[in-house]
PDB file of N, CA and C in Angstrom:
ATOM      1  N   MET A   1      -8.838  47.046  51.327  1.00  0.00           N
ATOM      2  CA  MET A   1      -7.915  48.341  50.137  1.00  0.00           C
ATOM      3  C   MET A   1      -7.094  49.216  50.260  1.00  0.00           C
ATOM      4  N   THR A   2      -5.563  49.079  50.355  1.00  0.00           N
ATOM      5  CA  THR A   2      -5.089  50.029  50.593  1.00  0.00           C
ATOM      6  C   THR A   2      -4.467  51.336  49.304  1.00  0.00           C
ATOM      7  N   GLN A   3      -4.284  52.406  50.258  1.00  0.00           N
ATOM      8  CA  GLN A   3      -4.271  53.888  49.164  1.00  0.00           C
ATOM      9  C   GLN A   3      -3.335  53.956  49.330  1.00  0.00           C
ATOM     10  N   THR A   4      -3.363  54.870  48.222  1.00  0.00           N
ATOM     11  CA  THR A   4      -1.498  54.773  47.932  1.00  0.00           C
ATOM     12  C   THR A   4      -1.299  56.951  48.368  1.00  0.00           C
ATOM     13  N   CYS A   5      -0.665  57.184  49.074  1.00  0.00           N
ATOM     14  CA  CYS A   5      -0.887  58.536  49.664  1.00  0.00           C
ATOM     15  C   CYS A   5       0.707  58.943  49.285  1.00  0.00           C
ATOM     16  N   THR A   6       0.416  60.018  49.080  1.00  0.00           N
ATOM     17  CA  THR A   6       1.637  61.088  48.666  1.00  0.00           C
ATOM     18  C   THR A   6       2.284  62.669  49.246  1.00  0.00           C
ATOM     19  N   LEU A   7       2.623  62.058  49.947  1.00  0.00           N
ATOM     20  CA  LEU A   7       2.666  64.034  50.093  1.00  0.00           C
ATOM     21  C   LEU A   7       3.274  64.633  49.518  1.00  0.00           C
ATOM     22  N   HIS A   8       3.009  66.278  48.743  1.00  0.00           N
ATOM     23  CA  HIS A   8       3.739  66.947  48.043  1.00  0.00           C
ATOM     24  C   HIS A   8       4.452  68.227  48.958  1.00  0.00           C
ATOM     25  N   ILE A   9       5.167  68.328  48.532  1.00  0.00           N
ATOM     26  CA  ILE A   9       5.480  69.253  49.562  1.00  0.00           C
ATOM     27  C   ILE A   9       6.462  70.058  48.994  1.00  0.00           C
ATOM     28  N   LYS A  10       7.471  72.050  49.019  1.00  0.00           N
ATOM     29  CA  LYS A  10       8.087  72.789  48.621  1.00  0.00           C
ATOM     30  C   LYS A  10       9.758  72.191  49.109  1.00  0.00           C
ATOM     31  N   LYS A  11      10.338  71.642  48.188  1.00  0.00           N
ATOM     32  CA  LYS A  11      12.134  71.261  48.568  1.00  0.00           C
ATOM     33  C   LYS A  11      12.388  71.954  49.418  1.00  0.00           C
ATOM     34  N   GLY A  12      12.983  70.966  50.589  1.00  0.00           N
ATOM     35  CA  GLY A  12      13.998  72.189  51.815  1.00  0.00           C
ATOM     36  C   GLY A  12      13.163  72.600  52.511  1.00  0.00           C
ATOM     37  N   THR A  13      12.171  72.517  52.328  1.00  0.00           N
ATOM     38  CA  THR A  13      10.930  73.261  54.025  1.00  0.00           C
ATOM     39  C   THR A  13      10.905  72.305  54.669  1.00  0.00           C
ATOM     40  N   ARG A  14       9.821  72.457  55.702  1.00  0.00           N
ATOM     41  CA  ARG A  14       9.362  71.671  57.176  1.00  0.00           C
ATOM     42  C   ARG A  14       8.462  71.444  56.316  1.00  0.00           C
ATOM     43  N   GLN A  15       7.366  70.979  55.745  1.00  0.00           N
ATOM     44  CA  GLN A  15       6.073  71.503  55.340  1.00  0.00           C
ATOM     45  C   GLN A  15       5.111  69.884  55.562  1.00  0.00           C
ATOM     46  N   GLY A  16       4.695  69.707  56.286  1.00  0.00           N
ATOM     47  CA  GLY A  16       3.941  68.328  56.052  1.00  0.00           C
ATOM     48  C   GLY A  16       4.398  67.670  57.452  1.00  0.00           C
ATOM     49  N   GLU A  17       4.806  68.551  58.300  1.00  0.00           N
ATOM     50  CA  GLU A  17       5.763  67.888  59.119  1.00  0.00           C
ATOM     51  C   GLU A  17       4.381  67.106  60.345  1.00  0.00           C
ATOM     52  N   ALA A  18       3.465  67.616  60.222  1.00  0.00           N
ATOM     53  CA  ALA A  18       2.002  66.941  60.700  1.00  0.00           C
ATOM     54  C   ALA A  18       1.695  65.281  59.818  1.00  0.00           C
ATOM     55  N   LEU A  19       1.781  65.592  58.897  1.00  0.00           N
ATOM     56  CA  LEU A  19       0.876  64.646  58.290  1.00  0.00           C
ATOM     57  C   LEU A  19       2.063  63.618  58.624  1.00  0.00           C
ATOM     58  N   GLN A  20       3.536  63.702  58.562  1.00  0.00           N
ATOM     59  CA  GLN A  20       4.321  63.086  58.230  1.00  0.00           C
ATOM     60  C   GLN A  20       4.187  62.375  59.587  1.00  0.00           C
ATOM     61  N   MET A  21       3.964  62.857  60.777  1.00  0.00           N
ATOM     62  CA  MET A  21       4.488  61.962  62.292  1.00  0.00           C
ATOM     63  C   MET A  21       3.322  61.186  62.056  1.00  0.00           C
ATOM     64  N   MET A  22       1.770  61.423  61.664  1.00  0.00           N
ATOM     65  CA  MET A  22       0.645  61.122  61.688  1.00  0.00           C
ATOM     66  C   MET A  22       0.775  59.671  61.146  1.00  0.00           C
ATOM     67  N   ALA A  23       1.461  59.462  59.830  1.00  0.00           N
ATOM     68  CA  ALA A  23       1.324  58.662  58.963  1.00  0.00           C
ATOM     69  C   ALA A  23       2.547  57.606  59.430  1.00  0.00           C
ATOM     70  N   HIS A  24       2.992  57.988  60.144  1.00  0.00           N
ATOM     71  CA  HIS A  24       4.640  57.093  61.052  1.00  0.00           C
ATOM     72  C   HIS A  24       3.850  56.600  62.355  1.00  0.00           C
ATOM     73  N   CYS A  25       2.653  57.302  62.963  1.00  0.00           N
ATOM     74  CA  CYS A  25       2.569  56.435  64.436  1.00  0.00           C
ATOM     75  C   CYS A  25       1.147  55.569  63.835  1.00  0.00           C
ATOM     76  N   ALA A  26       0.773  55.759  62.782  1.00  0.00           N
ATOM     77  CA  ALA A  26      -0.423  55.152  62.578  1.00  0.00           C
ATOM     78  C   ALA A  26       0.196  53.730  61.300  1.00  0.00           C
ATOM     79  N   ASN A  27       1.576  53.456  61.419  1.00  0.00           N
ATOM     80  CA  ASN A  27       2.139  52.571  60.805  1.00  0.00           C
ATOM     81  C   ASN A  27       1.580  52.659  59.100  1.00  0.00           C
ATOM     82  N   LYS A  28       1.480  53.565  58.680  1.00  0.00           N
ATOM     83  CA  LYS A  28       0.683  53.762  57.720  1.00  0.00           C
ATOM     84  C   LYS A  28       1.461  54.469  56.738  1.00  0.00           C
ATOM     85  N   PRO A  29       2.121  54.134  55.080  1.00  0.00           N
ATOM     86  CA  PRO A  29       3.090  54.236  53.892  1.00  0.00           C
ATOM     87  C   PRO A  29       2.391  55.963  53.679  1.00  0.00           C
ATOM     88  N   LEU A  30       3.143  56.644  53.477  1.00  0.00           N
ATOM     89  CA  LEU A  30       3.481  58.157  53.156  1.00  0.00           C
ATOM     90  C   LEU A  30       4.597  58.480  52.316  1.00  0.00           C
ATOM     91  N   SER A  31       4.216  58.323  50.637  1.00  0.00           N
ATOM     92  CA  SER A  31       5.711  58.721  49.934  1.00  0.00           C
ATOM     93  C   SER A  31       5.502  60.779  50.593  1.00  0.00           C
ATOM     94  N   VAL A  32       7.112  61.529  50.642  1.00  0.00           N
ATOM     95  CA  VAL A  32       7.083  62.844  50.520  1.00  0.00           C
ATOM     96  C   VAL A  32       7.771  62.704  49.479  1.00  0.00           C
ATOM     97  N   VAL A  33       7.245  63.769  48.636  1.00  0.00           N
ATOM     98  CA  VAL A  33       7.810  64.292  47.271  1.00  0.00           C
ATOM     99  C   VAL A  33       8.320  65.531  47.372  1.00  0.00           C
ATOM    100  N   GLY A  34       9.441  66.548  47.585  1.00  0.00           N
ATOM    101  CA  GLY A  34      10.248  67.571  47.286  1.00  0.00           C
ATOM    102  C   GLY A  34      10.040  68.285  45.771  1.00  0.00           C
ATOM    103  N   HIS A  35       9.081  69.128  46.065  1.00  0.00           N
ATOM    104  CA  HIS A  35       9.363  69.995  44.664  1.00  0.00           C
ATOM    105  C   HIS A  35       9.934  71.092  44.308  1.00  0.00           C
ATOM    106  N   ILE A  36      10.884  71.567  43.504  1.00  0.00           N
ATOM    107  CA  ILE A  36      11.768  72.770  43.665  1.00  0.00           C
ATOM    108  C   ILE A  36      10.637  73.785  42.713  1.00  0.00           C
ATOM    109  N   ARG A  37      10.225  73.667  42.097  1.00  0.00           N
ATOM    110  CA  ARG A  37       9.116  74.502  41.243  1.00  0.00           C
ATOM    111  C   ARG A  37       7.616  73.807  41.806  1.00  0.00           C
ATOM    112  N   THR A  38       6.693  74.923  41.846  1.00  0.00           N
ATOM    113  CA  THR A  38       5.432  74.308  42.124  1.00  0.00           C
ATOM    114  C   THR A  38       4.412  75.591  40.860  1.00  0.00           C
ATOM    115  N   GLU A  39       4.870  75.687  39.407  1.00  0.00           N
ATOM    116  CA  GLU A  39       4.458  76.025  38.718  1.00  0.00           C
ATOM    117  C   GLU A  39       3.124  75.294  38.771  1.00  0.00           C
ATOM    118  N   GLY A  40       4.058  73.846  38.464  1.00  0.00           N
ATOM    119  CA  GLY A  40       2.495  73.309  37.460  1.00  0.00           C
ATOM    120  C   GLY A  40       1.153  72.374  38.990  1.00  0.00           C
ATOM    121  N   PHE A  41       1.336  72.834  39.896  1.00  0.00           N
ATOM    122  CA  PHE A  41       0.297  72.478  40.762  1.00  0.00           C
ATOM    123  C   PHE A  41      -1.020  73.831  40.804  1.00  0.00           C
ATOM    124  N   GLU A  42      -0.672  75.032  40.304  1.00  0.00           N
ATOM    125  CA  GLU A  42      -1.819  76.151  40.078  1.00  0.00           C
ATOM    126  C   GLU A  42      -3.197  75.013  39.469  1.00  0.00           C
ATOM    127  N   LYS A  43      -3.127  74.460  38.748  1.00  0.00           N
ATOM    128  CA  LYS A  43      -4.324  73.318  38.164  1.00  0.00           C
ATOM    129  C   LYS A  43      -4.456  72.442  38.600  1.00  0.00           C
ATOM    130  N   ALA A  44      -3.465  71.839  39.179  1.00  0.00           N
ATOM    131  CA  ALA A  44      -3.528  70.429  39.635  1.00  0.00           C
ATOM    132  C   ALA A  44      -4.392  70.479  41.426  1.00  0.00           C
ATOM    133  N   VAL A  45      -3.528  71.492  41.983  1.00  0.00           N
ATOM    134  CA  VAL A  45      -3.739  71.397  43.204  1.00  0.00           C
ATOM    135  C   VAL A  45      -5.029  72.621  43.438  1.00  0.00           C
ATOM    136  N   PRO A  46      -6.140  72.251  44.387  1.00  0.00           N
ATOM    137  CA  PRO A  46      -6.721  72.766  44.751  1.00  0.00           C
ATOM    138  C   PRO A  46      -6.002  73.699  45.800  1.00  0.00           C
ATOM    139  N   PHE A  47      -6.409  75.142  44.995  1.00  0.00           N
ATOM    140  CA  PHE A  47      -6.241  76.816  45.694  1.00  0.00           C
ATOM    141  C   PHE A  47      -4.347  76.848  45.277  1.00  0.00           C
ATOM    142  N   GLY A  48      -3.554  75.819  44.658  1.00  0.00           N
ATOM    143  CA  GLY A  48      -2.418  75.675  43.915  1.00  0.00           C
ATOM    144  C   GLY A  48      -1.581  76.174  44.719  1.00  0.00           C
ATOM    145  N   ASP A  49      -1.328  75.265  45.700  1.00  0.00           N
ATOM    146  CA  ASP A  49      -0.281  75.472  46.825  1.00  0.00           C
ATOM    147  C   ASP A  49      -0.135  74.497  47.354  1.00  0.00           C
ATOM    148  N   LEU A  50       1.084  74.146  47.746  1.00  0.00           N
ATOM    149  CA  LEU A  50       1.807  73.110  49.190  1.00  0.00           C
ATOM    150  C   LEU A  50       1.728  73.571  50.006  1.00  0.00           C
ATOM    151  N   PRO A  51       1.764  72.408  50.801  1.00  0.00           N
ATOM    152  CA  PRO A  51       2.045  71.060  50.933  1.00  0.00           C
ATOM    153  C   PRO A  51       0.001  70.571  50.048  1.00  0.00           C
ATOM    154  N   ALA A  52       0.521  69.686  49.705  1.00  0.00           N
ATOM    155  CA  ALA A  52      -0.761  68.824  49.108  1.00  0.00           C
ATOM    156  C   ALA A  52      -0.975  67.544  49.534  1.00  0.00           C
ATOM    157  N   LEU A  53      -1.756  67.008  49.603  1.00  0.00           N
ATOM    158  CA  LEU A  53      -1.861  65.385  50.042  1.00  0.00           C
ATOM    159  C   LEU A  53      -2.610  64.686  48.971  1.00  0.00           C
ATOM    160  N   GLU A  54      -1.951  63.629  47.969  1.00  0.00           N
ATOM    161  CA  GLU A  54      -2.549  63.085  47.283  1.00  0.00           C
ATOM    162  C   GLU A  54      -2.924  61.606  47.397  1.00  0.00           C
ATOM    163  N   ILE A  55      -4.303  61.351  47.249  1.00  0.00           N
ATOM    164  CA  ILE A  55      -4.838  59.819  47.825  1.00  0.00           C
ATOM    165  C   ILE A  55      -5.411  59.084  46.722  1.00  0.00           C
ATOM    166  N   ASP A  56      -5.071  58.337  46.438  1.00  0.00           N
ATOM    167  CA  ASP A  56      -6.190  57.663  45.239  1.00  0.00           C
ATOM    168  C   ASP A  56      -5.460  58.419  44.311  1.00  0.00           C
ATOM    169  N   LEU A  57      -4.852  59.114  43.743  1.00  0.00           N
ATOM    170  CA  LEU A  57      -4.884  60.130  42.388  1.00  0.00           C
ATOM    171  C   LEU A  57      -5.619  60.942  42.278  1.00  0.00           C
ATOM    172  N   GLN A  58      -6.239  61.625  43.619  1.00  0.00           N
ATOM    173  CA  GLN A  58      -6.851  62.680  43.771  1.00  0.00           C
ATOM    174  C   GLN A  58      -6.315  63.753  45.127  1.00  0.00           C
ATOM    175  N   MET A  59      -6.359  65.341  44.613  1.00  0.00           N
ATOM    176  CA  MET A  59      -5.457  65.682  44.826  1.00  0.00           C
ATOM    177  C   MET A  59      -6.040  66.625  46.014  1.00  0.00           C
ATOM    178  N   TYR A  60      -5.480  66.648  47.197  1.00  0.00           N
ATOM    179  CA  TYR A  60      -6.224  67.754  48.691  1.00  0.00           C
ATOM    180  C   TYR A  60      -5.137  68.898  49.010  1.00  0.00           C
ATOM    181  N   SER A  61      -5.666  69.922  50.070  1.00  0.00           N
ATOM    182  CA  SER A  61      -4.781  70.456  49.952  1.00  0.00           C
ATOM    183  C   SER A  61      -5.564  71.590  51.208  1.00  0.00           C
ATOM    184  N   GLN A  62      -4.651  72.869  51.650  1.00  0.00           N
ATOM    185  CA  GLN A  62      -4.716  73.495  52.477  1.00  0.00           C
ATOM    186  C   GLN A  62      -4.326  72.770  54.036  1.00  0.00           C
ATOM    187  N   VAL A  63      -3.554  73.618  54.799  1.00  0.00           N
ATOM    188  CA  VAL A  63      -3.010  72.317  56.111  1.00  0.00           C
ATOM    189  C   VAL A  63      -3.793  71.943  57.206  1.00  0.00           C
ATOM    190  N   VAL A  64      -5.057  72.754  57.659  1.00  0.00           N
ATOM    191  CA  VAL A  64      -5.504  72.445  58.786  1.00  0.00           C
ATOM    192  C   VAL A  64      -6.834  71.170  57.859  1.00  0.00           C
ATOM    193  N   PRO A  65      -7.600  71.398  57.009  1.00  0.00           N
ATOM    194  CA  PRO A  65      -8.016  70.589  56.544  1.00  0.00           C
ATOM    195  C   PRO A  65      -7.569  69.359  56.135  1.00  0.00           C
ATOM    196  N   LEU A  66      -6.223  69.258  55.643  1.00  0.00           N
ATOM    197  CA  LEU A  66      -5.569  68.387  55.673  1.00  0.00           C
ATOM    198  C   LEU A  66      -5.206  67.132  56.737  1.00  0.00           C
ATOM    199  N   GLN A  67      -5.149  68.237  57.846  1.00  0.00           N
ATOM    200  CA  GLN A  67      -4.645  67.904  59.078  1.00  0.00           C
ATOM    201  C   GLN A  67      -5.895  67.179  59.614  1.00  0.00           C
ATOM    202  N   ARG A  68      -6.814  67.807  59.777  1.00  0.00           N
ATOM    203  CA  ARG A  68      -8.376  66.719  60.000  1.00  0.00           C
ATOM    204  C   ARG A  68      -8.681  65.380  59.776  1.00  0.00           C
ATOM    205  N   PHE A  69      -8.283  65.767  57.855  1.00  0.00           N
ATOM    206  CA  PHE A  69      -8.762  64.456  57.134  1.00  0.00           C
ATOM    207  C   PHE A  69      -7.425  63.500  56.946  1.00  0.00           C
ATOM    208  N   TYR A  70      -6.370  63.763  57.354  1.00  0.00           N
ATOM    209  CA  TYR A  70      -5.146  62.420  56.797  1.00  0.00           C
ATOM    210  C   TYR A  70      -5.676  62.257  58.768  1.00  0.00           C
ATOM    211  N   GLY A  71      -5.712  63.007  59.753  1.00  0.00           N
ATOM    212  CA  GLY A  71      -5.933  61.675  60.956  1.00  0.00           C
ATOM    213  C   GLY A  71      -7.201  61.196  61.122  1.00  0.00           C
ATOM    214  N   MET A  72      -7.943  61.444  60.217  1.00  0.00           N
ATOM    215  CA  MET A  72      -9.326  60.414  59.628  1.00  0.00           C
ATOM    216  C   MET A  72      -9.108  59.528  59.230  1.00  0.00           C
ATOM    217  N   VAL A  73      -7.984  59.322  58.448  1.00  0.00           N
ATOM    218  CA  VAL A  73      -7.365  58.456  57.251  1.00  0.00           C
ATOM    219  C   VAL A  73      -6.802  57.426  58.389  1.00  0.00           C
ATOM    220  N   CYS A  74      -5.670  57.937  59.088  1.00  0.00           N
ATOM    221  CA  CYS A  74      -4.806  57.541  59.672  1.00  0.00           C
ATOM    222  C   CYS A  74      -5.727  57.100  61.383  1.00  0.00           C
ATOM    223  N   GLY A  75      -6.592  57.004  61.968  1.00  0.00           N
ATOM    224  CA  GLY A  75      -7.774  56.741  62.853  1.00  0.00           C
ATOM    225  C   GLY A  75      -7.859  57.058  64.427  1.00  0.00           C
ATOM    226  N   PHE A  76      -7.169  58.563  64.057  1.00  0.00           N
ATOM    227  CA  PHE A  76      -7.079  59.623  65.130  1.00  0.00           C
ATOM    228  C   PHE A  76      -7.998  60.549  65.494  1.00  0.00           C
ATOM    229  N   VAL A  77      -8.569  60.912  64.283  1.00  0.00           N
ATOM    230  CA  VAL A  77      -9.621  61.978  64.134  1.00  0.00           C
ATOM    231  C   VAL A  77     -10.766  60.904  64.047  1.00  0.00           C
ATOM    232  N   PRO A  78     -12.200  60.480  64.760  1.00  0.00           N
ATOM    233  CA  PRO A  78     -13.366  59.999  64.786  1.00  0.00           C
ATOM    234  C   PRO A  78     -14.284  60.095  63.605  1.00  0.00           C
ATOM    235  N   THR A  79     -14.619  59.235  62.509  1.00  0.00           N
ATOM    236  CA  THR A  79     -15.606  59.711  61.002  1.00  0.00           C
ATOM    237  C   THR A  79     -16.701  59.954  61.428  1.00  0.00           C
ATOM    238  N   ASP A  80     -17.307  60.005  62.900  1.00  0.00           N
ATOM    239  CA  ASP A  80     -18.953  59.836  62.844  1.00  0.00           C
ATOM    240  C   ASP A  80     -18.735  61.505  63.577  1.00  0.00           C
ATOM    241  N   PRO A  81     -19.674  61.938  62.966  1.00  0.00           N
ATOM    242  CA  PRO A  81     -19.670  63.871  63.305  1.00  0.00           C
ATOM    243  C   PRO A  81     -19.594  64.464  64.819  1.00  0.00           C
ATOM    244  N   VAL A  82     -20.833  63.113  65.124  1.00  0.00           N
ATOM    245  CA  VAL A  82     -21.017  63.764  66.394  1.00  0.00           C
ATOM    246  C   VAL A  82     -20.137  63.134  67.333  1.00  0.00           C
ATOM    247  N   GLU A  83     -19.209  62.498  67.470  1.00  0.00           N
ATOM    248  CA  GLU A  83     -18.125  61.862  68.420  1.00  0.00           C
ATOM    249  C   GLU A  83     -17.255  63.285  67.978  1.00  0.00           C
ATOM    250  N   VAL A  84     -16.575  63.757  67.248  1.00  0.00           N
ATOM    251  CA  VAL A  84     -16.440  65.310  66.709  1.00  0.00           C
ATOM    252  C   VAL A  84     -16.667  66.441  67.075  1.00  0.00           C
ATOM    253  N   ARG A  85     -17.823  66.605  67.191  1.00  0.00           N
ATOM    254  CA  ARG A  85     -18.301  67.444  68.554  1.00  0.00           C
ATOM    255  C   ARG A  85     -18.032  67.477  69.350  1.00  0.00           C
ATOM    256  N   LYS A  86     -18.168  66.361  69.810  1.00  0.00           N
ATOM    257  CA  LYS A  86     -17.296  66.000  71.774  1.00  0.00           C
ATOM    258  C   LYS A  86     -16.474  66.484  72.216  1.00  0.00           C
ATOM    259  N   HIS A  87     -15.507  65.938  70.557  1.00  0.00           N
ATOM    260  CA  HIS A  87     -14.103  66.180  71.309  1.00  0.00           C
ATOM    261  C   HIS A  87     -14.027  68.334  71.304  1.00  0.00           C
ATOM    262  N   PHE A  88     -14.507  68.819  70.551  1.00  0.00           N
ATOM    263  CA  PHE A  88     -14.065  70.273  70.383  1.00  0.00           C
ATOM    264  C   PHE A  88     -15.214  71.206  71.001  1.00  0.00           C
ATOM    265  N   ASN A  89     -15.858  70.457  72.296  1.00  0.00           N
ATOM    266  CA  ASN A  89     -17.023  71.509  73.079  1.00  0.00           C
ATOM    267  C   ASN A  89     -16.275  71.196  74.309  1.00  0.00           C
TER     268      ASN A  89
END
């Protein structure tokens, strides 16, 4: 099943570059939407801030957890917790 992924960023910023690079290297489709105003995101996005990653209509936020999560989606980070622990010791 193909996942629909959209990266929401503040327009005119360089937010989400690491996520965009991961998507490019993994050959995963990623739409990027730049927003001028972020008022509508306070309720739609956890913690109410951008960048936010939308995967199959579910919103995720916070940069470091996003990078870890999307790294797993793209296959750069193991999904097995034991394997992940080996890389961080």
